[in-house]
Amino acid sequence: MLTLVIGNKNFSSWSLRPWLVLKQLGEPFAEKHIHLYHPDSKQQLLAANPAGKVPVLFDGLLRVHDSLAICEYLAELFPAARLWPQERAERAEARAISAEMHAGFTALRSEMPMNTCLRTQLQPSADCAADIARITAIWRQLRQRFVADGDFLFGHFGIADAMFAPVVLRFVSYGVTLDPVSQAYADSLLSLPAMQQWLDEAELEQAATDA
């Protein structure tokens, strides 16, 4: 059985991405949790992954770290799930925006760190507002093109959606107002049972931490 090592569900945006893909696949997998803010957290992280980060996927003796690399591996392991679009041009586009999300939007990450239990209003800086504008432009463009094919960026749920899922949670946490097309896409992700499960478990986890 696959085992996914993740961090706190309230805070670990990187952990959410492959976890959501696995849930959408419907394949059985085990979860191993490492609390990111305990005195022995670094030791546990290094034991799971020499890079000292989560998530990490174990498949037998194989260890795959990095959220995007894990998702790529799952796409190869379960090709029938169509985690990347079937058409070559669309697949390249999906990989490009996934890589952009993976490596970019530093102002958004800095000013709006993932905290699923938080509800506040934040006035973003110009750089953060530019990140939000770029993200929502991606969403609008793809949803307008693929609206007839389903509710997600390329119609069918895929890795690109998983890469942007933590952004949706950040927008909720920090009260970001979205245009109607972007809001409809965000609502599609939020309505997934797996996303609701993540949010519920994040709340329970944080309550236990605060107790």
N, C-alpha and C. Protein backbone atom coordinates (compact mmCIF):
# COMPACT_ATOMS: atom_id res chain seq x y z
N MET A 1 0.84 -1.20 0.00
CA MET A 1 0.00 0.00 0.00
C MET A 1 0.87 1.25 0.00
N LEU A 2 0.42 2.28 -0.69
CA LEU A 2 1.10 3.56 -0.68
C LEU A 2 0.99 4.21 0.70
N THR A 3 2.05 4.90 1.10
CA THR A 3 2.04 5.67 2.34
C THR A 3 2.46 7.10 2.03
N LEU A 4 1.65 8.06 2.47
CA LEU A 4 1.96 9.47 2.26
C LEU A 4 2.27 10.11 3.61
N VAL A 5 3.45 10.67 3.72
CA VAL A 5 3.87 11.38 4.93
C VAL A 5 3.56 12.86 4.73
N ILE A 6 2.79 13.42 5.64
CA ILE A 6 2.36 14.80 5.52
C ILE A 6 2.59 15.57 6.81
N GLY A 7 2.49 16.90 6.71
CA GLY A 7 2.58 17.76 7.89
C GLY A 7 1.21 18.14 8.39
N ASN A 8 1.16 19.20 9.18
CA ASN A 8 -0.10 19.67 9.76
C ASN A 8 -1.10 20.03 8.66
N LYS A 9 -2.32 19.53 8.77
CA LYS A 9 -3.32 19.84 7.75
C LYS A 9 -3.75 21.30 7.80
N ASN A 10 -3.60 21.95 8.92
CA ASN A 10 -3.96 23.36 8.99
C ASN A 10 -2.97 24.23 8.23
N PHE A 11 -1.72 23.82 8.14
CA PHE A 11 -0.67 24.69 7.62
C PHE A 11 0.04 24.19 6.37
N SER A 12 0.07 22.90 6.13
CA SER A 12 0.96 22.35 5.10
C SER A 12 0.28 22.31 3.73
N SER A 13 0.45 23.38 2.99
CA SER A 13 -0.12 23.45 1.64
C SER A 13 0.49 22.41 0.72
N TRP A 14 1.77 22.16 0.88
CA TRP A 14 2.43 21.16 0.03
C TRP A 14 1.87 19.78 0.27
N SER A 15 1.51 19.46 1.51
CA SER A 15 0.96 18.14 1.82
C SER A 15 -0.41 17.94 1.20
N LEU A 16 -1.20 19.03 1.16
CA LEU A 16 -2.56 18.91 0.62
C LEU A 16 -2.56 18.42 -0.82
N ARG A 17 -1.63 18.87 -1.62
CA ARG A 17 -1.68 18.62 -3.06
C ARG A 17 -1.69 17.13 -3.41
N PRO A 18 -0.68 16.34 -3.03
CA PRO A 18 -0.74 14.91 -3.37
C PRO A 18 -1.80 14.16 -2.59
N TRP A 19 -2.10 14.62 -1.37
CA TRP A 19 -3.17 13.99 -0.59
C TRP A 19 -4.49 14.09 -1.34
N LEU A 20 -4.78 15.27 -1.88
CA LEU A 20 -6.03 15.46 -2.63
C LEU A 20 -6.05 14.60 -3.87
N VAL A 21 -4.93 14.50 -4.56
CA VAL A 21 -4.87 13.63 -5.75
C VAL A 21 -5.17 12.19 -5.37
N LEU A 22 -4.55 11.71 -4.30
CA LEU A 22 -4.79 10.33 -3.87
C LEU A 22 -6.25 10.13 -3.49
N LYS A 23 -6.85 11.08 -2.81
CA LYS A 23 -8.26 10.96 -2.45
C LYS A 23 -9.14 10.92 -3.69
N GLN A 24 -8.83 11.76 -4.67
CA GLN A 24 -9.62 11.78 -5.90
C GLN A 24 -9.43 10.50 -6.71
N LEU A 25 -8.28 9.89 -6.59
CA LEU A 25 -8.05 8.61 -7.26
C LEU A 25 -8.92 7.51 -6.66
N GLY A 26 -9.22 7.62 -5.36
CA GLY A 26 -9.98 6.57 -4.69
C GLY A 26 -9.15 5.34 -4.38
N GLU A 27 -7.84 5.48 -4.46
CA GLU A 27 -6.94 4.35 -4.17
C GLU A 27 -6.60 4.34 -2.67
N PRO A 28 -6.51 3.16 -2.07
CA PRO A 28 -6.16 3.11 -0.65
C PRO A 28 -4.73 3.58 -0.41
N PHE A 29 -4.55 4.32 0.66
CA PHE A 29 -3.21 4.74 1.06
C PHE A 29 -3.21 5.02 2.55
N ALA A 30 -2.05 4.88 3.14
CA ALA A 30 -1.89 5.17 4.56
C ALA A 30 -1.33 6.58 4.71
N GLU A 31 -1.74 7.25 5.78
CA GLU A 31 -1.22 8.57 6.12
C GLU A 31 -0.31 8.47 7.33
N LYS A 32 0.82 9.12 7.23
CA LYS A 32 1.69 9.27 8.40
C LYS A 32 1.87 10.77 8.63
N HIS A 33 1.63 11.22 9.86
CA HIS A 33 1.64 12.64 10.16
C HIS A 33 2.90 13.01 10.96
N ILE A 34 3.51 14.11 10.55
CA ILE A 34 4.62 14.68 11.31
C ILE A 34 4.22 16.10 11.71
N HIS A 35 4.12 16.34 13.00
CA HIS A 35 3.81 17.69 13.47
C HIS A 35 5.01 18.58 13.18
N LEU A 36 4.77 19.69 12.49
CA LEU A 36 5.87 20.52 12.01
C LEU A 36 6.46 21.44 13.06
N TYR A 37 5.83 21.51 14.25
CA TYR A 37 6.27 22.49 15.23
C TYR A 37 6.54 21.88 16.59
N HIS A 38 6.99 20.63 16.61
CA HIS A 38 7.41 19.99 17.84
C HIS A 38 8.93 20.01 17.93
N PRO A 39 9.50 19.86 19.13
CA PRO A 39 10.96 19.88 19.27
C PRO A 39 11.67 18.82 18.42
N ASP A 40 11.01 17.67 18.20
CA ASP A 40 11.67 16.62 17.42
C ASP A 40 11.21 16.59 15.97
N SER A 41 10.55 17.65 15.50
CA SER A 41 10.02 17.66 14.14
C SER A 41 11.11 17.48 13.10
N LYS A 42 12.21 18.22 13.25
CA LYS A 42 13.28 18.14 12.26
C LYS A 42 13.84 16.73 12.17
N GLN A 43 14.00 16.08 13.31
CA GLN A 43 14.51 14.71 13.32
C GLN A 43 13.56 13.77 12.59
N GLN A 44 12.27 13.94 12.83
CA GLN A 44 11.28 13.10 12.14
C GLN A 44 11.26 13.37 10.65
N LEU A 45 11.37 14.63 10.28
CA LEU A 45 11.37 14.98 8.86
C LEU A 45 12.57 14.39 8.15
N LEU A 46 13.73 14.48 8.76
CA LEU A 46 14.94 13.93 8.14
C LEU A 46 14.90 12.42 8.04
N ALA A 47 14.24 11.77 9.01
CA ALA A 47 14.10 10.32 8.96
C ALA A 47 13.21 9.90 7.79
N ALA A 48 12.19 10.72 7.51
CA ALA A 48 11.28 10.41 6.40
C ALA A 48 11.86 10.81 5.06
N ASN A 49 12.64 11.90 5.04
CA ASN A 49 13.11 12.47 3.79
C ASN A 49 14.41 13.21 4.07
N PRO A 50 15.54 12.80 3.49
CA PRO A 50 16.81 13.49 3.73
C PRO A 50 16.77 14.97 3.39
N ALA A 51 15.82 15.40 2.56
CA ALA A 51 15.67 16.82 2.27
C ALA A 51 15.01 17.57 3.42
N GLY A 52 14.46 16.84 4.39
CA GLY A 52 13.89 17.46 5.58
C GLY A 52 12.56 18.14 5.36
N LYS A 53 11.78 17.67 4.36
CA LYS A 53 10.49 18.31 4.07
C LYS A 53 9.43 17.26 3.81
N VAL A 54 8.18 17.68 3.98
CA VAL A 54 7.03 16.88 3.57
C VAL A 54 6.36 17.62 2.41
N PRO A 55 5.62 16.87 1.60
CA PRO A 55 5.21 15.46 1.72
C PRO A 55 6.27 14.51 1.15
N VAL A 56 6.09 13.24 1.52
CA VAL A 56 6.89 12.15 0.98
C VAL A 56 5.96 10.97 0.71
N LEU A 57 6.11 10.37 -0.44
CA LEU A 57 5.32 9.18 -0.79
C LEU A 57 6.23 7.96 -0.77
N PHE A 58 5.78 6.92 -0.07
CA PHE A 58 6.48 5.64 -0.07
C PHE A 58 5.65 4.63 -0.84
N ASP A 59 6.28 3.97 -1.79
CA ASP A 59 5.67 2.87 -2.54
C ASP A 59 6.63 1.70 -2.47
N GLY A 60 6.43 0.84 -1.49
CA GLY A 60 7.41 -0.21 -1.25
C GLY A 60 8.72 0.42 -0.81
N LEU A 61 9.80 0.09 -1.54
CA LEU A 61 11.11 0.63 -1.21
C LEU A 61 11.36 1.99 -1.86
N LEU A 62 10.45 2.39 -2.74
CA LEU A 62 10.61 3.67 -3.42
C LEU A 62 10.14 4.82 -2.54
N ARG A 63 10.94 5.88 -2.49
CA ARG A 63 10.58 7.08 -1.76
C ARG A 63 10.60 8.25 -2.74
N VAL A 64 9.46 8.94 -2.84
CA VAL A 64 9.35 10.10 -3.74
C VAL A 64 9.00 11.32 -2.90
N HIS A 65 9.83 12.36 -2.98
CA HIS A 65 9.50 13.59 -2.25
C HIS A 65 9.24 14.71 -3.26
N ASP A 66 8.68 15.79 -2.77
CA ASP A 66 8.24 16.95 -3.55
C ASP A 66 6.84 16.70 -4.08
N SER A 67 5.94 17.65 -3.80
CA SER A 67 4.52 17.46 -4.12
C SER A 67 4.28 17.24 -5.61
N LEU A 68 4.94 18.02 -6.46
CA LEU A 68 4.71 17.87 -7.89
C LEU A 68 5.28 16.55 -8.41
N ALA A 69 6.45 16.16 -7.91
CA ALA A 69 7.03 14.88 -8.32
C ALA A 69 6.14 13.71 -7.89
N ILE A 70 5.56 13.80 -6.70
CA ILE A 70 4.64 12.76 -6.24
C ILE A 70 3.44 12.69 -7.17
N CYS A 71 2.87 13.83 -7.52
CA CYS A 71 1.71 13.84 -8.42
C CYS A 71 2.06 13.26 -9.79
N GLU A 72 3.25 13.59 -10.29
CA GLU A 72 3.70 13.01 -11.56
C GLU A 72 3.79 11.49 -11.46
N TYR A 73 4.32 11.01 -10.35
CA TYR A 73 4.43 9.57 -10.16
C TYR A 73 3.05 8.92 -10.13
N LEU A 74 2.11 9.55 -9.44
CA LEU A 74 0.75 9.01 -9.38
C LEU A 74 0.09 9.01 -10.76
N ALA A 75 0.38 10.02 -11.56
CA ALA A 75 -0.16 10.06 -12.92
C ALA A 75 0.33 8.88 -13.74
N GLU A 76 1.58 8.49 -13.54
CA GLU A 76 2.13 7.34 -14.25
C GLU A 76 1.61 6.03 -13.66
N LEU A 77 1.40 6.01 -12.36
CA LEU A 77 0.95 4.79 -11.70
C LEU A 77 -0.51 4.49 -12.03
N PHE A 78 -1.30 5.54 -12.22
CA PHE A 78 -2.74 5.37 -12.48
C PHE A 78 -3.13 6.15 -13.75
N PRO A 79 -2.69 5.71 -14.91
CA PRO A 79 -2.93 6.48 -16.14
C PRO A 79 -4.40 6.63 -16.49
N ALA A 80 -5.23 5.67 -16.08
CA ALA A 80 -6.66 5.75 -16.42
C ALA A 80 -7.34 6.93 -15.73
N ALA A 81 -6.74 7.47 -14.68
CA ALA A 81 -7.34 8.59 -13.95
C ALA A 81 -7.23 9.91 -14.71
N ARG A 82 -6.39 9.97 -15.73
CA ARG A 82 -6.23 11.18 -16.55
C ARG A 82 -5.90 12.40 -15.70
N LEU A 83 -4.90 12.26 -14.86
CA LEU A 83 -4.51 13.37 -14.00
C LEU A 83 -3.88 14.52 -14.79
N TRP A 84 -3.36 14.22 -15.96
CA TRP A 84 -2.97 15.25 -16.92
C TRP A 84 -3.93 15.16 -18.11
N PRO A 85 -4.20 16.27 -18.80
CA PRO A 85 -5.07 16.21 -19.98
C PRO A 85 -4.52 15.24 -21.03
N GLN A 86 -5.40 14.66 -21.79
CA GLN A 86 -5.00 13.67 -22.78
C GLN A 86 -4.35 14.29 -24.00
N GLU A 87 -4.81 15.49 -24.40
CA GLU A 87 -4.23 16.16 -25.56
C GLU A 87 -2.86 16.74 -25.21
N ARG A 88 -1.89 16.56 -26.12
CA ARG A 88 -0.52 16.96 -25.82
C ARG A 88 -0.39 18.44 -25.50
N ALA A 89 -1.03 19.30 -26.29
CA ALA A 89 -0.91 20.74 -26.05
C ALA A 89 -1.52 21.13 -24.71
N GLU A 90 -2.66 20.56 -24.39
CA GLU A 90 -3.30 20.85 -23.11
C GLU A 90 -2.49 20.29 -21.95
N ARG A 91 -1.89 19.13 -22.17
CA ARG A 91 -1.05 18.54 -21.13
C ARG A 91 0.16 19.42 -20.85
N ALA A 92 0.76 19.96 -21.90
CA ALA A 92 1.89 20.88 -21.72
C ALA A 92 1.46 22.13 -20.97
N GLU A 93 0.29 22.63 -21.30
CA GLU A 93 -0.22 23.82 -20.62
C GLU A 93 -0.49 23.54 -19.15
N ALA A 94 -1.07 22.39 -18.86
CA ALA A 94 -1.34 22.02 -17.47
C ALA A 94 -0.05 21.88 -16.68
N ARG A 95 0.97 21.30 -17.30
CA ARG A 95 2.26 21.17 -16.61
C ARG A 95 2.88 22.54 -16.39
N ALA A 96 2.73 23.44 -17.35
CA ALA A 96 3.33 24.77 -17.22
C ALA A 96 2.72 25.55 -16.07
N ILE A 97 1.39 25.55 -15.95
CA ILE A 97 0.78 26.32 -14.86
C ILE A 97 1.02 25.64 -13.52
N SER A 98 1.13 24.31 -13.52
CA SER A 98 1.45 23.60 -12.27
C SER A 98 2.85 23.96 -11.80
N ALA A 99 3.78 24.02 -12.73
CA ALA A 99 5.15 24.41 -12.39
C ALA A 99 5.21 25.86 -11.94
N GLU A 100 4.42 26.72 -12.59
CA GLU A 100 4.37 28.13 -12.18
C GLU A 100 3.86 28.26 -10.75
N MET A 101 2.82 27.50 -10.42
CA MET A 101 2.31 27.52 -9.05
C MET A 101 3.33 26.95 -8.08
N HIS A 102 3.99 25.91 -8.47
CA HIS A 102 4.97 25.24 -7.63
C HIS A 102 6.13 26.15 -7.27
N ALA A 103 6.57 26.98 -8.22
CA ALA A 103 7.80 27.74 -8.03
C ALA A 103 7.58 29.23 -7.80
N GLY A 104 6.37 29.73 -8.05
CA GLY A 104 6.19 31.17 -8.04
C GLY A 104 5.26 31.68 -6.96
N PHE A 105 4.75 32.89 -7.19
CA PHE A 105 3.78 33.55 -6.31
C PHE A 105 4.32 33.71 -4.90
N THR A 106 5.55 34.20 -4.82
CA THR A 106 6.21 34.31 -3.52
C THR A 106 5.56 35.34 -2.60
N ALA A 107 5.04 36.43 -3.17
CA ALA A 107 4.39 37.43 -2.32
C ALA A 107 3.12 36.87 -1.69
N LEU A 108 2.34 36.13 -2.47
CA LEU A 108 1.13 35.50 -1.93
C LEU A 108 1.49 34.52 -0.83
N ARG A 109 2.49 33.70 -1.05
CA ARG A 109 2.90 32.72 -0.04
C ARG A 109 3.33 33.43 1.25
N SER A 110 4.05 34.52 1.09
CA SER A 110 4.58 35.22 2.25
C SER A 110 3.49 35.94 3.05
N GLU A 111 2.60 36.62 2.33
CA GLU A 111 1.59 37.43 3.01
C GLU A 111 0.36 36.64 3.43
N MET A 112 0.11 35.53 2.75
CA MET A 112 -1.08 34.74 3.05
C MET A 112 -0.69 33.27 3.25
N PRO A 113 0.08 32.98 4.29
CA PRO A 113 0.45 31.59 4.55
C PRO A 113 -0.79 30.74 4.82
N MET A 114 -0.73 29.48 4.44
CA MET A 114 -1.91 28.64 4.62
C MET A 114 -2.22 28.46 6.09
N ASN A 115 -3.46 28.74 6.43
CA ASN A 115 -3.98 28.55 7.78
C ASN A 115 -5.48 28.34 7.62
N THR A 116 -5.87 27.09 7.45
CA THR A 116 -7.25 26.80 7.06
C THR A 116 -8.27 27.21 8.11
N CYS A 117 -7.86 27.33 9.36
CA CYS A 117 -8.79 27.69 10.43
C CYS A 117 -8.95 29.19 10.59
N LEU A 118 -8.13 29.96 9.90
CA LEU A 118 -8.15 31.41 10.05
C LEU A 118 -9.24 32.04 9.20
N ARG A 119 -9.89 33.06 9.73
CA ARG A 119 -10.81 33.89 8.97
C ARG A 119 -10.51 35.34 9.30
N THR A 120 -10.00 36.07 8.31
CA THR A 120 -9.63 37.46 8.52
C THR A 120 -9.74 38.20 7.20
N GLN A 121 -9.55 39.50 7.25
CA GLN A 121 -9.49 40.34 6.05
C GLN A 121 -8.09 40.94 5.99
N LEU A 122 -7.45 40.79 4.85
CA LEU A 122 -6.09 41.29 4.69
C LEU A 122 -6.00 42.16 3.45
N GLN A 123 -5.40 43.32 3.59
CA GLN A 123 -5.15 44.19 2.43
C GLN A 123 -3.81 43.77 1.82
N PRO A 124 -3.82 43.17 0.64
CA PRO A 124 -2.55 42.68 0.08
C PRO A 124 -1.68 43.81 -0.43
N SER A 125 -0.39 43.58 -0.44
CA SER A 125 0.55 44.51 -1.06
C SER A 125 0.35 44.49 -2.57
N ALA A 126 1.03 45.40 -3.26
CA ALA A 126 0.92 45.43 -4.72
C ALA A 126 1.43 44.13 -5.33
N ASP A 127 2.52 43.59 -4.78
CA ASP A 127 3.06 42.34 -5.32
C ASP A 127 2.10 41.17 -5.10
N CYS A 128 1.51 41.13 -3.92
CA CYS A 128 0.56 40.06 -3.62
C CYS A 128 -0.70 40.20 -4.49
N ALA A 129 -1.16 41.43 -4.68
CA ALA A 129 -2.32 41.65 -5.54
C ALA A 129 -2.03 41.23 -6.97
N ALA A 130 -0.79 41.44 -7.42
CA ALA A 130 -0.41 41.00 -8.75
C ALA A 130 -0.42 39.47 -8.85
N ASP A 131 0.01 38.80 -7.78
CA ASP A 131 -0.05 37.34 -7.76
C ASP A 131 -1.50 36.86 -7.86
N ILE A 132 -2.37 37.49 -7.09
CA ILE A 132 -3.79 37.11 -7.11
C ILE A 132 -4.38 37.33 -8.51
N ALA A 133 -4.02 38.46 -9.12
CA ALA A 133 -4.53 38.76 -10.46
C ALA A 133 -4.06 37.73 -11.47
N ARG A 134 -2.81 37.31 -11.37
CA ARG A 134 -2.28 36.30 -12.30
C ARG A 134 -2.98 34.97 -12.10
N ILE A 135 -3.17 34.56 -10.86
CA ILE A 135 -3.83 33.28 -10.59
C ILE A 135 -5.25 33.29 -11.11
N THR A 136 -5.99 34.33 -10.82
CA THR A 136 -7.39 34.37 -11.26
C THR A 136 -7.49 34.50 -12.77
N ALA A 137 -6.51 35.13 -13.40
CA ALA A 137 -6.50 35.19 -14.87
C ALA A 137 -6.33 33.79 -15.47
N ILE A 138 -5.45 32.98 -14.86
CA ILE A 138 -5.29 31.59 -15.30
C ILE A 138 -6.61 30.85 -15.16
N TRP A 139 -7.23 30.99 -14.01
CA TRP A 139 -8.49 30.29 -13.77
C TRP A 139 -9.56 30.70 -14.77
N ARG A 140 -9.72 32.00 -14.99
CA ARG A 140 -10.77 32.48 -15.91
C ARG A 140 -10.53 31.98 -17.33
N GLN A 141 -9.30 32.08 -17.77
CA GLN A 141 -8.99 31.68 -19.14
C GLN A 141 -9.32 30.20 -19.36
N LEU A 142 -8.89 29.36 -18.44
CA LEU A 142 -9.11 27.92 -18.62
C LEU A 142 -10.56 27.55 -18.42
N ARG A 143 -11.23 28.13 -17.44
CA ARG A 143 -12.63 27.78 -17.22
C ARG A 143 -13.51 28.21 -18.40
N GLN A 144 -13.18 29.34 -19.01
CA GLN A 144 -13.95 29.77 -20.17
C GLN A 144 -13.74 28.84 -21.36
N ARG A 145 -12.56 28.27 -21.46
CA ARG A 145 -12.28 27.34 -22.56
C ARG A 145 -12.87 25.96 -22.33
N PHE A 146 -12.88 25.50 -21.08
CA PHE A 146 -13.25 24.11 -20.80
C PHE A 146 -14.54 23.98 -20.00
N VAL A 147 -15.35 25.02 -20.01
CA VAL A 147 -16.56 25.02 -19.20
C VAL A 147 -17.50 23.87 -19.59
N ALA A 148 -17.49 23.47 -20.84
CA ALA A 148 -18.39 22.40 -21.27
C ALA A 148 -17.90 21.01 -20.88
N ASP A 149 -16.65 20.92 -20.41
CA ASP A 149 -16.05 19.60 -20.14
C ASP A 149 -16.06 19.20 -18.67
N GLY A 150 -16.52 20.09 -17.80
CA GLY A 150 -16.53 19.79 -16.37
C GLY A 150 -16.25 21.04 -15.56
N ASP A 151 -16.09 20.86 -14.26
CA ASP A 151 -16.01 22.00 -13.34
C ASP A 151 -14.60 22.45 -13.01
N PHE A 152 -13.59 21.78 -13.57
CA PHE A 152 -12.23 22.07 -13.14
C PHE A 152 -11.43 22.74 -14.26
N LEU A 153 -10.18 23.03 -14.03
CA LEU A 153 -9.44 23.89 -14.95
C LEU A 153 -9.45 23.36 -16.38
N PHE A 154 -9.25 22.07 -16.53
CA PHE A 154 -9.29 21.46 -17.86
C PHE A 154 -10.53 20.57 -18.00
N GLY A 155 -11.55 20.86 -17.24
CA GLY A 155 -12.78 20.09 -17.25
C GLY A 155 -12.75 18.99 -16.20
N HIS A 156 -11.91 18.01 -16.43
CA HIS A 156 -11.74 16.86 -15.54
C HIS A 156 -10.75 17.22 -14.43
N PHE A 157 -11.02 16.79 -13.18
CA PHE A 157 -10.08 17.05 -12.09
C PHE A 157 -8.71 16.48 -12.43
N GLY A 158 -7.68 17.27 -12.16
CA GLY A 158 -6.33 16.81 -12.44
C GLY A 158 -5.31 17.45 -11.52
N ILE A 159 -4.05 17.21 -11.84
CA ILE A 159 -2.95 17.70 -11.01
C ILE A 159 -2.95 19.23 -10.94
N ALA A 160 -3.27 19.89 -12.03
CA ALA A 160 -3.30 21.36 -12.01
C ALA A 160 -4.26 21.86 -10.95
N ASP A 161 -5.40 21.21 -10.81
CA ASP A 161 -6.36 21.61 -9.77
C ASP A 161 -5.78 21.38 -8.38
N ALA A 162 -5.12 20.27 -8.19
CA ALA A 162 -4.51 19.99 -6.89
C ALA A 162 -3.44 21.02 -6.55
N MET A 163 -2.71 21.49 -7.54
CA MET A 163 -1.68 22.48 -7.28
C MET A 163 -2.27 23.81 -6.81
N PHE A 164 -3.46 24.14 -7.30
CA PHE A 164 -4.09 25.40 -6.91
C PHE A 164 -5.04 25.27 -5.72
N ALA A 165 -5.30 24.05 -5.26
CA ALA A 165 -6.24 23.85 -4.15
C ALA A 165 -5.84 24.63 -2.90
N PRO A 166 -4.56 24.65 -2.48
CA PRO A 166 -4.22 25.42 -1.29
C PRO A 166 -4.46 26.92 -1.47
N VAL A 167 -4.36 27.41 -2.70
CA VAL A 167 -4.61 28.82 -2.95
C VAL A 167 -6.08 29.16 -2.66
N VAL A 168 -6.97 28.26 -3.05
CA VAL A 168 -8.38 28.46 -2.74
C VAL A 168 -8.57 28.60 -1.24
N LEU A 169 -7.90 27.75 -0.47
CA LEU A 169 -8.04 27.83 0.99
C LEU A 169 -7.45 29.13 1.53
N ARG A 170 -6.36 29.59 0.95
CA ARG A 170 -5.78 30.88 1.37
C ARG A 170 -6.76 32.02 1.08
N PHE A 171 -7.39 31.99 -0.08
CA PHE A 171 -8.34 33.05 -0.42
C PHE A 171 -9.50 33.08 0.57
N VAL A 172 -9.95 31.91 1.00
CA VAL A 172 -11.02 31.86 2.01
C VAL A 172 -10.52 32.43 3.34
N SER A 173 -9.33 32.01 3.74
CA SER A 173 -8.80 32.43 5.04
C SER A 173 -8.61 33.93 5.13
N TYR A 174 -8.17 34.55 4.02
CA TYR A 174 -7.82 35.97 4.07
C TYR A 174 -8.87 36.87 3.41
N GLY A 175 -10.05 36.31 3.12
CA GLY A 175 -11.16 37.11 2.64
C GLY A 175 -10.95 37.74 1.28
N VAL A 176 -10.30 37.03 0.36
CA VAL A 176 -10.05 37.57 -0.98
C VAL A 176 -11.34 37.50 -1.79
N THR A 177 -11.74 38.63 -2.35
CA THR A 177 -12.94 38.69 -3.19
C THR A 177 -12.57 38.28 -4.62
N LEU A 178 -13.34 37.35 -5.18
CA LEU A 178 -13.04 36.81 -6.50
C LEU A 178 -14.12 37.21 -7.50
N ASP A 179 -13.73 37.27 -8.76
CA ASP A 179 -14.70 37.46 -9.83
C ASP A 179 -15.59 36.23 -9.92
N PRO A 180 -16.76 36.32 -10.57
CA PRO A 180 -17.70 35.20 -10.58
C PRO A 180 -17.14 33.90 -11.14
N VAL A 181 -16.35 33.96 -12.20
CA VAL A 181 -15.79 32.74 -12.80
C VAL A 181 -14.81 32.09 -11.84
N SER A 182 -13.93 32.89 -11.25
CA SER A 182 -12.96 32.34 -10.30
C SER A 182 -13.64 31.80 -9.06
N GLN A 183 -14.67 32.49 -8.59
CA GLN A 183 -15.40 32.03 -7.41
C GLN A 183 -16.09 30.69 -7.68
N ALA A 184 -16.67 30.56 -8.88
CA ALA A 184 -17.32 29.29 -9.23
C ALA A 184 -16.30 28.15 -9.25
N TYR A 185 -15.11 28.42 -9.76
CA TYR A 185 -14.07 27.39 -9.76
C TYR A 185 -13.64 27.06 -8.33
N ALA A 186 -13.43 28.09 -7.52
CA ALA A 186 -13.05 27.85 -6.12
C ALA A 186 -14.12 27.03 -5.42
N ASP A 187 -15.38 27.33 -5.67
CA ASP A 187 -16.47 26.59 -5.04
C ASP A 187 -16.46 25.12 -5.48
N SER A 188 -16.09 24.87 -6.73
CA SER A 188 -16.03 23.48 -7.21
C SER A 188 -14.98 22.69 -6.43
N LEU A 189 -13.84 23.30 -6.18
CA LEU A 189 -12.82 22.63 -5.39
C LEU A 189 -13.26 22.46 -3.94
N LEU A 190 -13.84 23.51 -3.38
CA LEU A 190 -14.25 23.46 -1.98
C LEU A 190 -15.35 22.43 -1.74
N SER A 191 -16.16 22.16 -2.76
CA SER A 191 -17.26 21.21 -2.60
C SER A 191 -16.83 19.75 -2.69
N LEU A 192 -15.60 19.51 -3.07
CA LEU A 192 -15.13 18.12 -3.11
C LEU A 192 -15.16 17.51 -1.71
N PRO A 193 -15.70 16.30 -1.56
CA PRO A 193 -15.70 15.67 -0.23
C PRO A 193 -14.30 15.59 0.38
N ALA A 194 -13.30 15.38 -0.45
CA ALA A 194 -11.93 15.29 0.07
C ALA A 194 -11.48 16.62 0.65
N MET A 195 -11.84 17.72 0.01
CA MET A 195 -11.47 19.03 0.54
C MET A 195 -12.19 19.29 1.86
N GLN A 196 -13.46 18.92 1.94
CA GLN A 196 -14.19 19.08 3.19
C GLN A 196 -13.59 18.21 4.29
N GLN A 197 -13.15 17.01 3.93
CA GLN A 197 -12.50 16.14 4.92
C GLN A 197 -11.22 16.79 5.43
N TRP A 198 -10.42 17.33 4.51
CA TRP A 198 -9.17 17.98 4.91
C TRP A 198 -9.45 19.13 5.88
N LEU A 199 -10.44 19.95 5.56
CA LEU A 199 -10.78 21.09 6.41
C LEU A 199 -11.26 20.64 7.79
N ASP A 200 -12.12 19.62 7.81
CA ASP A 200 -12.62 19.11 9.09
C ASP A 200 -11.49 18.57 9.95
N GLU A 201 -10.60 17.82 9.33
CA GLU A 201 -9.50 17.21 10.08
C GLU A 201 -8.48 18.26 10.50
N ALA A 202 -8.31 19.30 9.69
CA ALA A 202 -7.42 20.40 10.08
C ALA A 202 -7.95 21.10 11.32
N GLU A 203 -9.26 21.29 11.37
CA GLU A 203 -9.87 21.96 12.52
C GLU A 203 -9.71 21.12 13.79
N LEU A 204 -9.95 19.80 13.67
CA LEU A 204 -9.78 18.93 14.82
C LEU A 204 -8.32 18.88 15.27
N GLU A 205 -7.45 18.81 14.32
CA GLU A 205 -6.01 18.78 14.62
C GLU A 205 -5.56 20.04 15.33
N GLN A 206 -6.04 21.20 14.85
CA GLN A 206 -5.63 22.45 15.46
C GLN A 206 -6.24 22.61 16.85
N ALA A 207 -7.48 22.15 17.02
CA ALA A 207 -8.11 22.21 18.34
C ALA A 207 -7.34 21.39 19.35
N ALA A 208 -6.86 20.22 18.92
CA ALA A 208 -6.07 19.37 19.80
C ALA A 208 -4.73 20.02 20.14
N THR A 209 -4.15 20.71 19.18
CA THR A 209 -2.89 21.39 19.40
C THR A 209 -3.04 22.55 20.37
N ASP A 210 -4.17 23.27 20.23
CA ASP A 210 -4.40 24.44 21.09
C ASP A 210 -4.83 24.08 22.50
N ALA A 211 -5.33 22.85 22.67
CA ALA A 211 -5.86 22.45 23.98
C ALA A 211 -4.76 22.36 25.03
